[in-house]
């Protein structure tokens, strides 16, 4: 079983009219994180018509930092002014318990 100790919760609010572009961007992120061995699990979700989030988990803080500095994190920060009504809210968290296949 994978060792999971830390994670990220990133909440995003789409600009009016940009909701489907945000959804498409997040769907395309899956291919990028597939290349990150330190990203154990990654989820992109829609919380409401305009609110989206990413939840992902890592074995340690180093893998989490690698992910934040990686291709998807860079792309998100680059596209945020175009797609989002405010900068994404990025929360670092500790995983207390998990169930993975």
PDB file of N, CA and C in Angstrom:
ATOM      1  N   UNK A   1       0.833  -1.172   0.000  1.00  0.00           N
ATOM      2  CA  UNK A   1       0.000   0.000   0.000  1.00  0.00           C
ATOM      3  C   UNK A   1       0.890   1.252   0.000  1.00  0.00           C
ATOM      4  N   UNK A   2       0.419   2.281  -0.697  1.00  0.00           N
ATOM      5  CA  UNK A   2       1.172   3.521  -0.819  1.00  0.00           C
ATOM      6  C   UNK A   2       1.261   4.240   0.521  1.00  0.00           C
ATOM      7  N   UNK A   3       2.403   4.856   0.754  1.00  0.00           N
ATOM      8  CA  UNK A   3       2.623   5.651   1.950  1.00  0.00           C
ATOM      9  C   UNK A   3       2.119   7.065   1.671  1.00  0.00           C
ATOM     10  N   UNK A   4       1.081   7.503   2.372  1.00  0.00           N
ATOM     11  CA  UNK A   4       0.461   8.809   2.162  1.00  0.00           C
ATOM     12  C   UNK A   4       0.447   9.552   3.486  1.00  0.00           C
ATOM     13  N   UNK A   5       1.113  10.703   3.522  1.00  0.00           N
ATOM     14  CA  UNK A   5       1.210  11.467   4.762  1.00  0.00           C
ATOM     15  C   UNK A   5       0.766  12.920   4.652  1.00  0.00           C
ATOM     16  N   UNK A   6       0.871  13.510   3.466  1.00  0.00           N
ATOM     17  CA  UNK A   6       0.531  14.922   3.288  1.00  0.00           C
ATOM     18  C   UNK A   6      -0.282  15.091   2.018  1.00  0.00           C
ATOM     19  N   UNK A   7      -0.947  16.245   1.921  1.00  0.00           N
ATOM     20  CA  UNK A   7      -1.762  16.505   0.740  1.00  0.00           C
ATOM     21  C   UNK A   7      -1.917  17.980   0.460  1.00  0.00           C
ATOM     22  N   UNK A   8      -2.715  18.250  -0.559  1.00  0.00           N
ATOM     23  CA  UNK A   8      -3.069  19.608  -0.952  1.00  0.00           C
ATOM     24  C   UNK A   8      -4.557  19.663  -1.237  1.00  0.00           C
ATOM     25  N   UNK A   9      -5.170  20.785  -0.882  1.00  0.00           N
ATOM     26  CA  UNK A   9      -6.542  21.072  -1.286  1.00  0.00           C
ATOM     27  C   UNK A   9      -6.497  22.446  -1.937  1.00  0.00           C
ATOM     28  N   UNK A  10      -6.814  22.498  -3.222  1.00  0.00           N
ATOM     29  CA  UNK A  10      -6.744  23.733  -3.995  1.00  0.00           C
ATOM     30  C   UNK A  10      -8.152  24.068  -4.478  1.00  0.00           C
ATOM     31  N   UNK A  11      -8.680  25.178  -4.013  1.00  0.00           N
ATOM     32  CA  UNK A  11     -10.039  25.602  -4.376  1.00  0.00           C
ATOM     33  C   UNK A  11      -9.942  26.751  -5.377  1.00  0.00           C
ATOM     34  N   UNK A  12     -10.796  26.684  -6.408  1.00  0.00           N
ATOM     35  CA  UNK A  12     -10.762  27.683  -7.484  1.00  0.00           C
ATOM     36  C   UNK A  12     -12.168  28.133  -7.839  1.00  0.00           C
ATOM     37  N   UNK A  13     -12.318  29.412  -8.097  1.00  0.00           N
ATOM     38  CA  UNK A  13     -13.589  29.985  -8.525  1.00  0.00           C
ATOM     39  C   UNK A  13     -13.405  30.519  -9.953  1.00  0.00           C
ATOM     40  N   UNK A  14     -14.175  29.960 -10.891  1.00  0.00           N
ATOM     41  CA  UNK A  14     -14.055  30.351 -12.298  1.00  0.00           C
ATOM     42  C   UNK A  14     -14.645  31.735 -12.526  1.00  0.00           C
ATOM     43  N   UNK A  15     -14.051  32.469 -13.462  1.00  0.00           N
ATOM     44  CA  UNK A  15     -14.636  33.722 -13.914  1.00  0.00           C
ATOM     45  C   UNK A  15     -15.931  33.394 -14.657  1.00  0.00           C
ATOM     46  N   UNK A  16     -16.894  34.314 -14.645  1.00  0.00           N
ATOM     47  CA  UNK A  16     -18.124  34.081 -15.406  1.00  0.00           C
ATOM     48  C   UNK A  16     -17.798  33.787 -16.873  1.00  0.00           C
ATOM     49  N   UNK A  17     -18.389  32.728 -17.384  1.00  0.00           N
ATOM     50  CA  UNK A  17     -18.160  32.335 -18.771  1.00  0.00           C
ATOM     51  C   UNK A  17     -16.946  31.455 -18.985  1.00  0.00           C
ATOM     52  N   UNK A  18     -16.127  31.246 -17.954  1.00  0.00           N
ATOM     53  CA  UNK A  18     -14.900  30.446 -18.081  1.00  0.00           C
ATOM     54  C   UNK A  18     -15.018  29.068 -17.431  1.00  0.00           C
ATOM     55  N   UNK A  19     -16.228  28.719 -16.953  1.00  0.00           N
ATOM     56  CA  UNK A  19     -16.415  27.478 -16.209  1.00  0.00           C
ATOM     57  C   UNK A  19     -15.975  26.247 -16.987  1.00  0.00           C
ATOM     58  N   UNK A  20     -16.373  26.152 -18.250  1.00  0.00           N
ATOM     59  CA  UNK A  20     -16.035  24.953 -19.018  1.00  0.00           C
ATOM     60  C   UNK A  20     -14.553  24.922 -19.388  1.00  0.00           C
ATOM     61  N   UNK A  21     -13.932  26.082 -19.523  1.00  0.00           N
ATOM     62  CA  UNK A  21     -12.486  26.122 -19.764  1.00  0.00           C
ATOM     63  C   UNK A  21     -11.724  25.632 -18.533  1.00  0.00           C
ATOM     64  N   UNK A  22     -12.195  26.000 -17.344  1.00  0.00           N
ATOM     65  CA  UNK A  22     -11.567  25.505 -16.114  1.00  0.00           C
ATOM     66  C   UNK A  22     -11.723  23.994 -16.040  1.00  0.00           C
ATOM     67  N   UNK A  23     -12.920  23.492 -16.323  1.00  0.00           N
ATOM     68  CA  UNK A  23     -13.148  22.042 -16.301  1.00  0.00           C
ATOM     69  C   UNK A  23     -12.231  21.321 -17.282  1.00  0.00           C
ATOM     70  N   UNK A  24     -12.093  21.853 -18.481  1.00  0.00           N
ATOM     71  CA  UNK A  24     -11.221  21.234 -19.485  1.00  0.00           C
ATOM     72  C   UNK A  24      -9.762  21.273 -19.040  1.00  0.00           C
ATOM     73  N   UNK A  25      -9.349  22.396 -18.459  1.00  0.00           N
ATOM     74  CA  UNK A  25      -7.975  22.506 -17.958  1.00  0.00           C
ATOM     75  C   UNK A  25      -7.707  21.433 -16.908  1.00  0.00           C
ATOM     76  N   UNK A  26      -8.646  21.282 -15.977  1.00  0.00           N
ATOM     77  CA  UNK A  26      -8.458  20.288 -14.915  1.00  0.00           C
ATOM     78  C   UNK A  26      -8.446  18.872 -15.481  1.00  0.00           C
ATOM     79  N   UNK A  27      -9.307  18.578 -16.435  1.00  0.00           N
ATOM     80  CA  UNK A  27      -9.288  17.245 -17.055  1.00  0.00           C
ATOM     81  C   UNK A  27      -7.935  16.967 -17.702  1.00  0.00           C
ATOM     82  N   UNK A  28      -7.368  17.967 -18.347  1.00  0.00           N
ATOM     83  CA  UNK A  28      -6.072  17.782 -19.019  1.00  0.00           C
ATOM     84  C   UNK A  28      -4.936  17.605 -18.011  1.00  0.00           C
ATOM     85  N   UNK A  29      -5.134  18.039 -16.769  1.00  0.00           N
ATOM     86  CA  UNK A  29      -4.106  17.905 -15.737  1.00  0.00           C
ATOM     87  C   UNK A  29      -3.791  16.463 -15.381  1.00  0.00           C
ATOM     88  N   UNK A  30      -4.734  15.575 -15.597  1.00  0.00           N
ATOM     89  CA  UNK A  30      -4.530  14.155 -15.268  1.00  0.00           C
ATOM     90  C   UNK A  30      -3.304  13.588 -15.983  1.00  0.00           C
ATOM     91  N   UNK A  31      -3.149  13.911 -17.251  1.00  0.00           N
ATOM     92  CA  UNK A  31      -2.008  13.390 -18.009  1.00  0.00           C
ATOM     93  C   UNK A  31      -0.682  13.890 -17.438  1.00  0.00           C
ATOM     94  N   UNK A  32      -0.679  15.116 -16.948  1.00  0.00           N
ATOM     95  CA  UNK A  32       0.550  15.675 -16.382  1.00  0.00           C
ATOM     96  C   UNK A  32       0.907  14.961 -15.082  1.00  0.00           C
ATOM     97  N   UNK A  33      -0.060  14.800 -14.178  1.00  0.00           N
ATOM     98  CA  UNK A  33       0.257  14.186 -12.891  1.00  0.00           C
ATOM     99  C   UNK A  33       0.545  12.690 -13.012  1.00  0.00           C
ATOM    100  N   UNK A  34       0.122  12.062 -14.109  1.00  0.00           N
ATOM    101  CA  UNK A  34       0.475  10.657 -14.343  1.00  0.00           C
ATOM    102  C   UNK A  34       1.992  10.489 -14.379  1.00  0.00           C
ATOM    103  N   UNK A  35       2.705  11.533 -14.763  1.00  0.00           N
ATOM    104  CA  UNK A  35       4.165  11.500 -14.888  1.00  0.00           C
ATOM    105  C   UNK A  35       4.881  11.792 -13.567  1.00  0.00           C
ATOM    106  N   UNK A  36       4.143  12.023 -12.497  1.00  0.00           N
ATOM    107  CA  UNK A  36       4.734  12.378 -11.203  1.00  0.00           C
ATOM    108  C   UNK A  36       4.677  11.174 -10.260  1.00  0.00           C
ATOM    109  N   UNK A  37       5.775  10.474 -10.078  1.00  0.00           N
ATOM    110  CA  UNK A  37       5.737   9.293  -9.205  1.00  0.00           C
ATOM    111  C   UNK A  37       5.417   9.627  -7.754  1.00  0.00           C
ATOM    112  N   UNK A  38       5.675  10.847  -7.308  1.00  0.00           N
ATOM    113  CA  UNK A  38       5.407  11.231  -5.934  1.00  0.00           C
ATOM    114  C   UNK A  38       3.968  11.642  -5.665  1.00  0.00           C
ATOM    115  N   UNK A  39       3.163  11.792  -6.728  1.00  0.00           N
ATOM    116  CA  UNK A  39       1.747  12.100  -6.562  1.00  0.00           C
ATOM    117  C   UNK A  39       1.005  10.776  -6.507  1.00  0.00           C
ATOM    118  N   UNK A  40       0.608  10.369  -5.303  1.00  0.00           N
ATOM    119  CA  UNK A  40       0.003   9.057  -5.084  1.00  0.00           C
ATOM    120  C   UNK A  40      -1.438   9.015  -5.595  1.00  0.00           C
ATOM    121  N   UNK A  41      -2.215  10.036  -5.298  1.00  0.00           N
ATOM    122  CA  UNK A  41      -3.593  10.133  -5.776  1.00  0.00           C
ATOM    123  C   UNK A  41      -3.881  11.588  -6.093  1.00  0.00           C
ATOM    124  N   UNK A  42      -4.684  11.815  -7.138  1.00  0.00           N
ATOM    125  CA  UNK A  42      -4.993  13.167  -7.603  1.00  0.00           C
ATOM    126  C   UNK A  42      -6.439  13.188  -8.064  1.00  0.00           C
ATOM    127  N   UNK A  43      -7.192  14.168  -7.588  1.00  0.00           N
ATOM    128  CA  UNK A  43      -8.592  14.307  -7.954  1.00  0.00           C
ATOM    129  C   UNK A  43      -8.872  15.751  -8.339  1.00  0.00           C
ATOM    130  N   UNK A  44      -9.534  15.952  -9.459  1.00  0.00           N
ATOM    131  CA  UNK A  44     -10.058  17.259  -9.845  1.00  0.00           C
ATOM    132  C   UNK A  44     -11.574  17.147  -9.757  1.00  0.00           C
ATOM    133  N   UNK A  45     -12.214  18.074  -9.035  1.00  0.00           N
ATOM    134  CA  UNK A  45     -13.650  17.974  -8.797  1.00  0.00           C
ATOM    135  C   UNK A  45     -14.336  19.317  -9.052  1.00  0.00           C
ATOM    136  N   UNK A  46     -15.629  19.215  -9.317  1.00  0.00           N
ATOM    137  CA  UNK A  46     -16.474  20.406  -9.454  1.00  0.00           C
ATOM    138  C   UNK A  46     -17.397  20.426  -8.252  1.00  0.00           C
ATOM    139  N   UNK A  47     -17.347  21.511  -7.476  1.00  0.00           N
ATOM    140  CA  UNK A  47     -18.149  21.635  -6.264  1.00  0.00           C
ATOM    141  C   UNK A  47     -19.477  22.345  -6.517  1.00  0.00           C
ATOM    142  N   UNK A  48     -19.514  23.183  -7.529  1.00  0.00           N
ATOM    143  CA  UNK A  48     -20.727  23.915  -7.918  1.00  0.00           C
ATOM    144  C   UNK A  48     -20.526  24.321  -9.380  1.00  0.00           C
ATOM    145  N   UNK A  49     -21.487  24.985 -10.001  1.00  0.00           N
ATOM    146  CA  UNK A  49     -21.280  25.373 -11.397  1.00  0.00           C
ATOM    147  C   UNK A  49     -20.015  26.202 -11.642  1.00  0.00           C
ATOM    148  N   UNK A  50     -19.569  26.959 -10.629  1.00  0.00           N
ATOM    149  CA  UNK A  50     -18.404  27.830 -10.827  1.00  0.00           C
ATOM    150  C   UNK A  50     -17.211  27.505  -9.935  1.00  0.00           C
ATOM    151  N   UNK A  51     -17.371  26.574  -9.002  1.00  0.00           N
ATOM    152  CA  UNK A  51     -16.327  26.272  -8.026  1.00  0.00           C
ATOM    153  C   UNK A  51     -15.726  24.900  -8.291  1.00  0.00           C
ATOM    154  N   UNK A  52     -14.402  24.860  -8.335  1.00  0.00           N
ATOM    155  CA  UNK A  52     -13.657  23.646  -8.626  1.00  0.00           C
ATOM    156  C   UNK A  52     -12.611  23.432  -7.537  1.00  0.00           C
ATOM    157  N   UNK A  53     -12.088  22.217  -7.465  1.00  0.00           N
ATOM    158  CA  UNK A  53     -11.030  21.941  -6.499  1.00  0.00           C
ATOM    159  C   UNK A  53     -10.158  20.798  -7.011  1.00  0.00           C
ATOM    160  N   UNK A  54      -8.945  20.782  -6.497  1.00  0.00           N
ATOM    161  CA  UNK A  54      -8.020  19.667  -6.681  1.00  0.00           C
ATOM    162  C   UNK A  54      -7.677  19.161  -5.288  1.00  0.00           C
ATOM    163  N   UNK A  55      -7.707  17.855  -5.131  1.00  0.00           N
ATOM    164  CA  UNK A  55      -7.252  17.216  -3.900  1.00  0.00           C
ATOM    165  C   UNK A  55      -6.237  16.169  -4.312  1.00  0.00           C
ATOM    166  N   UNK A  56      -5.044  16.242  -3.751  1.00  0.00           N
ATOM    167  CA  UNK A  56      -4.026  15.256  -4.081  1.00  0.00           C
ATOM    168  C   UNK A  56      -3.190  14.940  -2.854  1.00  0.00           C
ATOM    169  N   UNK A  57      -2.566  13.755  -2.874  1.00  0.00           N
ATOM    170  CA  UNK A  57      -1.811  13.290  -1.711  1.00  0.00           C
ATOM    171  C   UNK A  57      -0.442  12.767  -2.126  1.00  0.00           C
ATOM    172  N   UNK A  58       0.476  12.822  -1.137  1.00  0.00           N
ATOM    173  CA  UNK A  58       1.884  12.537  -1.382  1.00  0.00           C
ATOM    174  C   UNK A  58       2.486  11.800  -0.190  1.00  0.00           C
ATOM    175  N   UNK A  59       3.608  11.118  -0.395  1.00  0.00           N
ATOM    176  CA  UNK A  59       4.240  10.426   0.733  1.00  0.00           C
ATOM    177  C   UNK A  59       4.903  11.390   1.720  1.00  0.00           C
ATOM    178  N   UNK A  60       5.362  12.558   1.219  1.00  0.00           N
ATOM    179  CA  UNK A  60       6.094  13.483   2.082  1.00  0.00           C
ATOM    180  C   UNK A  60       6.053  14.897   1.509  1.00  0.00           C
ATOM    181  N   UNK A  61       6.571  15.827   2.293  1.00  0.00           N
ATOM    182  CA  UNK A  61       6.580  17.223   1.892  1.00  0.00           C
ATOM    183  C   UNK A  61       7.415  17.495   0.665  1.00  0.00           C
ATOM    184  N   UNK A  62       8.454  16.725   0.449  1.00  0.00           N
ATOM    185  CA  UNK A  62       9.302  16.910  -0.723  1.00  0.00           C
ATOM    186  C   UNK A  62       8.534  16.600  -2.011  1.00  0.00           C
ATOM    187  N   UNK A  63       7.790  15.501  -2.018  1.00  0.00           N
ATOM    188  CA  UNK A  63       6.983  15.150  -3.192  1.00  0.00           C
ATOM    189  C   UNK A  63       5.889  16.190  -3.415  1.00  0.00           C
ATOM    190  N   UNK A  64       5.316  16.689  -2.328  1.00  0.00           N
ATOM    191  CA  UNK A  64       4.286  17.729  -2.450  1.00  0.00           C
ATOM    192  C   UNK A  64       4.887  18.985  -3.068  1.00  0.00           C
ATOM    193  N   UNK A  65       6.068  19.375  -2.615  1.00  0.00           N
ATOM    194  CA  UNK A  65       6.717  20.567  -3.152  1.00  0.00           C
ATOM    195  C   UNK A  65       7.087  20.383  -4.616  1.00  0.00           C
ATOM    196  N   UNK A  66       7.557  19.182  -4.977  1.00  0.00           N
ATOM    197  CA  UNK A  66       7.864  18.877  -6.386  1.00  0.00           C
ATOM    198  C   UNK A  66       6.619  19.067  -7.245  1.00  0.00           C
ATOM    199  N   UNK A  67       5.481  18.609  -6.737  1.00  0.00           N
ATOM    200  CA  UNK A  67       4.225  18.748  -7.482  1.00  0.00           C
ATOM    201  C   UNK A  67       3.858  20.224  -7.632  1.00  0.00           C
ATOM    202  N   UNK A  68       3.941  20.992  -6.555  1.00  0.00           N
ATOM    203  CA  UNK A  68       3.607  22.414  -6.624  1.00  0.00           C
ATOM    204  C   UNK A  68       4.485  23.158  -7.624  1.00  0.00           C
ATOM    205  N   UNK A  69       5.748  22.769  -7.706  1.00  0.00           N
ATOM    206  CA  UNK A  69       6.687  23.424  -8.607  1.00  0.00           C
ATOM    207  C   UNK A  69       6.684  22.797 -10.005  1.00  0.00           C
ATOM    208  N   UNK A  70       5.872  21.756 -10.208  1.00  0.00           N
ATOM    209  CA  UNK A  70       5.856  21.015 -11.464  1.00  0.00           C
ATOM    210  C   UNK A  70       5.033  21.675 -12.555  1.00  0.00           C
ATOM    211  N   UNK A  71       4.821  20.923 -13.611  1.00  0.00           N
ATOM    212  CA  UNK A  71       4.151  21.441 -14.809  1.00  0.00           C
ATOM    213  C   UNK A  71       2.721  21.891 -14.548  1.00  0.00           C
ATOM    214  N   UNK A  72       1.950  21.119 -13.791  1.00  0.00           N
ATOM    215  CA  UNK A  72       0.555  21.487 -13.575  1.00  0.00           C
ATOM    216  C   UNK A  72       0.439  22.726 -12.693  1.00  0.00           C
ATOM    217  N   UNK A  73       1.211  22.775 -11.614  1.00  0.00           N
ATOM    218  CA  UNK A  73       1.187  23.952 -10.748  1.00  0.00           C
ATOM    219  C   UNK A  73       1.581  25.213 -11.497  1.00  0.00           C
ATOM    220  N   UNK A  74       2.600  25.106 -12.321  1.00  0.00           N
ATOM    221  CA  UNK A  74       3.044  26.257 -13.116  1.00  0.00           C
ATOM    222  C   UNK A  74       1.972  26.682 -14.109  1.00  0.00           C
ATOM    223  N   UNK A  75       1.351  25.701 -14.770  1.00  0.00           N
ATOM    224  CA  UNK A  75       0.300  26.014 -15.747  1.00  0.00           C
ATOM    225  C   UNK A  75      -0.902  26.663 -15.066  1.00  0.00           C
ATOM    226  N   UNK A  76      -1.256  26.163 -13.886  1.00  0.00           N
ATOM    227  CA  UNK A  76      -2.390  26.743 -13.167  1.00  0.00           C
ATOM    228  C   UNK A  76      -2.113  28.195 -12.804  1.00  0.00           C
ATOM    229  N   UNK A  77      -0.945  28.470 -12.265  1.00  0.00           N
ATOM    230  CA  UNK A  77      -0.635  29.844 -11.875  1.00  0.00           C
ATOM    231  C   UNK A  77      -0.542  30.769 -13.092  1.00  0.00           C
ATOM    232  N   UNK A  78      -0.088  30.234 -14.219  1.00  0.00           N
ATOM    233  CA  UNK A  78       0.005  31.030 -15.447  1.00  0.00           C
ATOM    234  C   UNK A  78      -1.388  31.368 -15.988  1.00  0.00           C
ATOM    235  N   UNK A  79      -2.311  30.414 -15.924  1.00  0.00           N
ATOM    236  CA  UNK A  79      -3.645  30.615 -16.500  1.00  0.00           C
ATOM    237  C   UNK A  79      -4.649  31.204 -15.510  1.00  0.00           C
ATOM    238  N   UNK A  80      -4.296  31.259 -14.232  1.00  0.00           N
ATOM    239  CA  UNK A  80      -5.231  31.740 -13.211  1.00  0.00           C
ATOM    240  C   UNK A  80      -5.820  33.118 -13.529  1.00  0.00           C
ATOM    241  N   UNK A  81      -5.035  34.116 -13.925  1.00  0.00           N
ATOM    242  CA  UNK A  81      -5.637  35.431 -14.191  1.00  0.00           C
ATOM    243  C   UNK A  81      -6.679  35.396 -15.312  1.00  0.00           C
ATOM    244  N   UNK A  82      -6.498  34.523 -16.272  1.00  0.00           N
ATOM    245  CA  UNK A  82      -7.425  34.396 -17.396  1.00  0.00           C
ATOM    246  C   UNK A  82      -8.702  33.640 -17.009  1.00  0.00           C
ATOM    247  N   UNK A  83      -8.552  32.573 -16.200  1.00  0.00           N
ATOM    248  CA  UNK A  83      -9.662  31.657 -15.937  1.00  0.00           C
ATOM    249  C   UNK A  83     -10.382  31.870 -14.611  1.00  0.00           C
ATOM    250  N   UNK A  84      -9.677  32.383 -13.609  1.00  0.00           N
ATOM    251  CA  UNK A  84     -10.215  32.408 -12.250  1.00  0.00           C
ATOM    252  C   UNK A  84     -10.535  33.825 -11.790  1.00  0.00           C
ATOM    253  N   UNK A  85     -11.585  33.947 -10.967  1.00  0.00           N
ATOM    254  CA  UNK A  85     -11.996  35.260 -10.470  1.00  0.00           C
ATOM    255  C   UNK A  85     -11.088  35.773  -9.360  1.00  0.00           C
ATOM    256  N   UNK A  86     -10.291  34.868  -8.769  1.00  0.00           N
ATOM    257  CA  UNK A  86      -9.323  35.221  -7.721  1.00  0.00           C
ATOM    258  C   UNK A  86      -8.234  34.152  -7.739  1.00  0.00           C
ATOM    259  N   UNK A  87      -7.089  34.414  -7.144  1.00  0.00           N
ATOM    260  CA  UNK A  87      -6.047  33.381  -7.113  1.00  0.00           C
ATOM    261  C   UNK A  87      -6.553  32.115  -6.423  1.00  0.00           C
ATOM    262  N   UNK A  88      -6.065  30.948  -6.857  1.00  0.00           N
ATOM    263  CA  UNK A  88      -6.504  29.708  -6.203  1.00  0.00           C
ATOM    264  C   UNK A  88      -6.087  29.694  -4.734  1.00  0.00           C
ATOM    265  N   UNK A  89      -6.941  29.111  -3.903  1.00  0.00           N
ATOM    266  CA  UNK A  89      -6.643  28.932  -2.483  1.00  0.00           C
ATOM    267  C   UNK A  89      -5.939  27.584  -2.336  1.00  0.00           C
ATOM    268  N   UNK A  90      -4.690  27.605  -1.892  1.00  0.00           N
ATOM    269  CA  UNK A  90      -3.896  26.381  -1.778  1.00  0.00           C
ATOM    270  C   UNK A  90      -3.642  26.092  -0.305  1.00  0.00           C
ATOM    271  N   UNK A  91      -4.195  24.975   0.170  1.00  0.00           N
ATOM    272  CA  UNK A  91      -4.025  24.573   1.566  1.00  0.00           C
ATOM    273  C   UNK A  91      -3.193  23.297   1.633  1.00  0.00           C
ATOM    274  N   UNK A  92      -2.123  23.336   2.430  1.00  0.00           N
ATOM    275  CA  UNK A  92      -1.321  22.146   2.681  1.00  0.00           C
ATOM    276  C   UNK A  92      -1.895  21.437   3.895  1.00  0.00           C
ATOM    277  N   UNK A  93      -2.004  20.122   3.817  1.00  0.00           N
ATOM    278  CA  UNK A  93      -2.639  19.388   4.907  1.00  0.00           C
ATOM    279  C   UNK A  93      -1.880  18.121   5.229  1.00  0.00           C
ATOM    280  N   UNK A  94      -2.128  17.600   6.415  1.00  0.00           N
ATOM    281  CA  UNK A  94      -1.591  16.319   6.855  1.00  0.00           C
ATOM    282  C   UNK A  94      -2.691  15.264   6.714  1.00  0.00           C
ATOM    283  N   UNK A  95      -2.355  14.120   6.169  1.00  0.00           N
ATOM    284  CA  UNK A  95      -3.309  13.027   6.014  1.00  0.00           C
ATOM    285  C   UNK A  95      -3.273  12.201   7.307  1.00  0.00           C
ATOM    286  N   UNK A  96      -4.418  12.091   7.958  1.00  0.00           N
ATOM    287  CA  UNK A  96      -4.518  11.359   9.213  1.00  0.00           C
ATOM    288  C   UNK A  96      -4.814   9.884   8.986  1.00  0.00           C
ATOM    289  N   UNK A  97      -5.581   9.578   7.943  1.00  0.00           N
ATOM    290  CA  UNK A  97      -5.929   8.197   7.623  1.00  0.00           C
ATOM    291  C   UNK A  97      -6.328   8.152   6.157  1.00  0.00           C
ATOM    292  N   UNK A  98      -6.219   6.987   5.542  1.00  0.00           N
ATOM    293  CA  UNK A  98      -6.617   6.872   4.130  1.00  0.00           C
ATOM    294  C   UNK A  98      -6.962   5.412   3.828  1.00  0.00           C
ATOM    295  N   UNK A  99      -7.656   5.266   2.695  1.00  0.00           N
ATOM    296  CA  UNK A  99      -7.957   3.950   2.129  1.00  0.00           C
ATOM    297  C   UNK A  99      -7.706   4.052   0.648  1.00  0.00           C
ATOM    298  N   UNK A 100      -6.703   3.363   0.195  1.00  0.00           N
ATOM    299  CA  UNK A 100      -6.363   3.323  -1.224  1.00  0.00           C
ATOM    300  C   UNK A 100      -6.330   1.869  -1.672  1.00  0.00           C
ATOM    301  N   UNK A 101      -6.557   1.637  -2.963  1.00  0.00           N
ATOM    302  CA  UNK A 101      -6.498   0.237  -3.438  1.00  0.00           C
ATOM    303  C   UNK A 101      -5.123  -0.374  -3.269  1.00  0.00           C
TER     304      UNK A 101
END
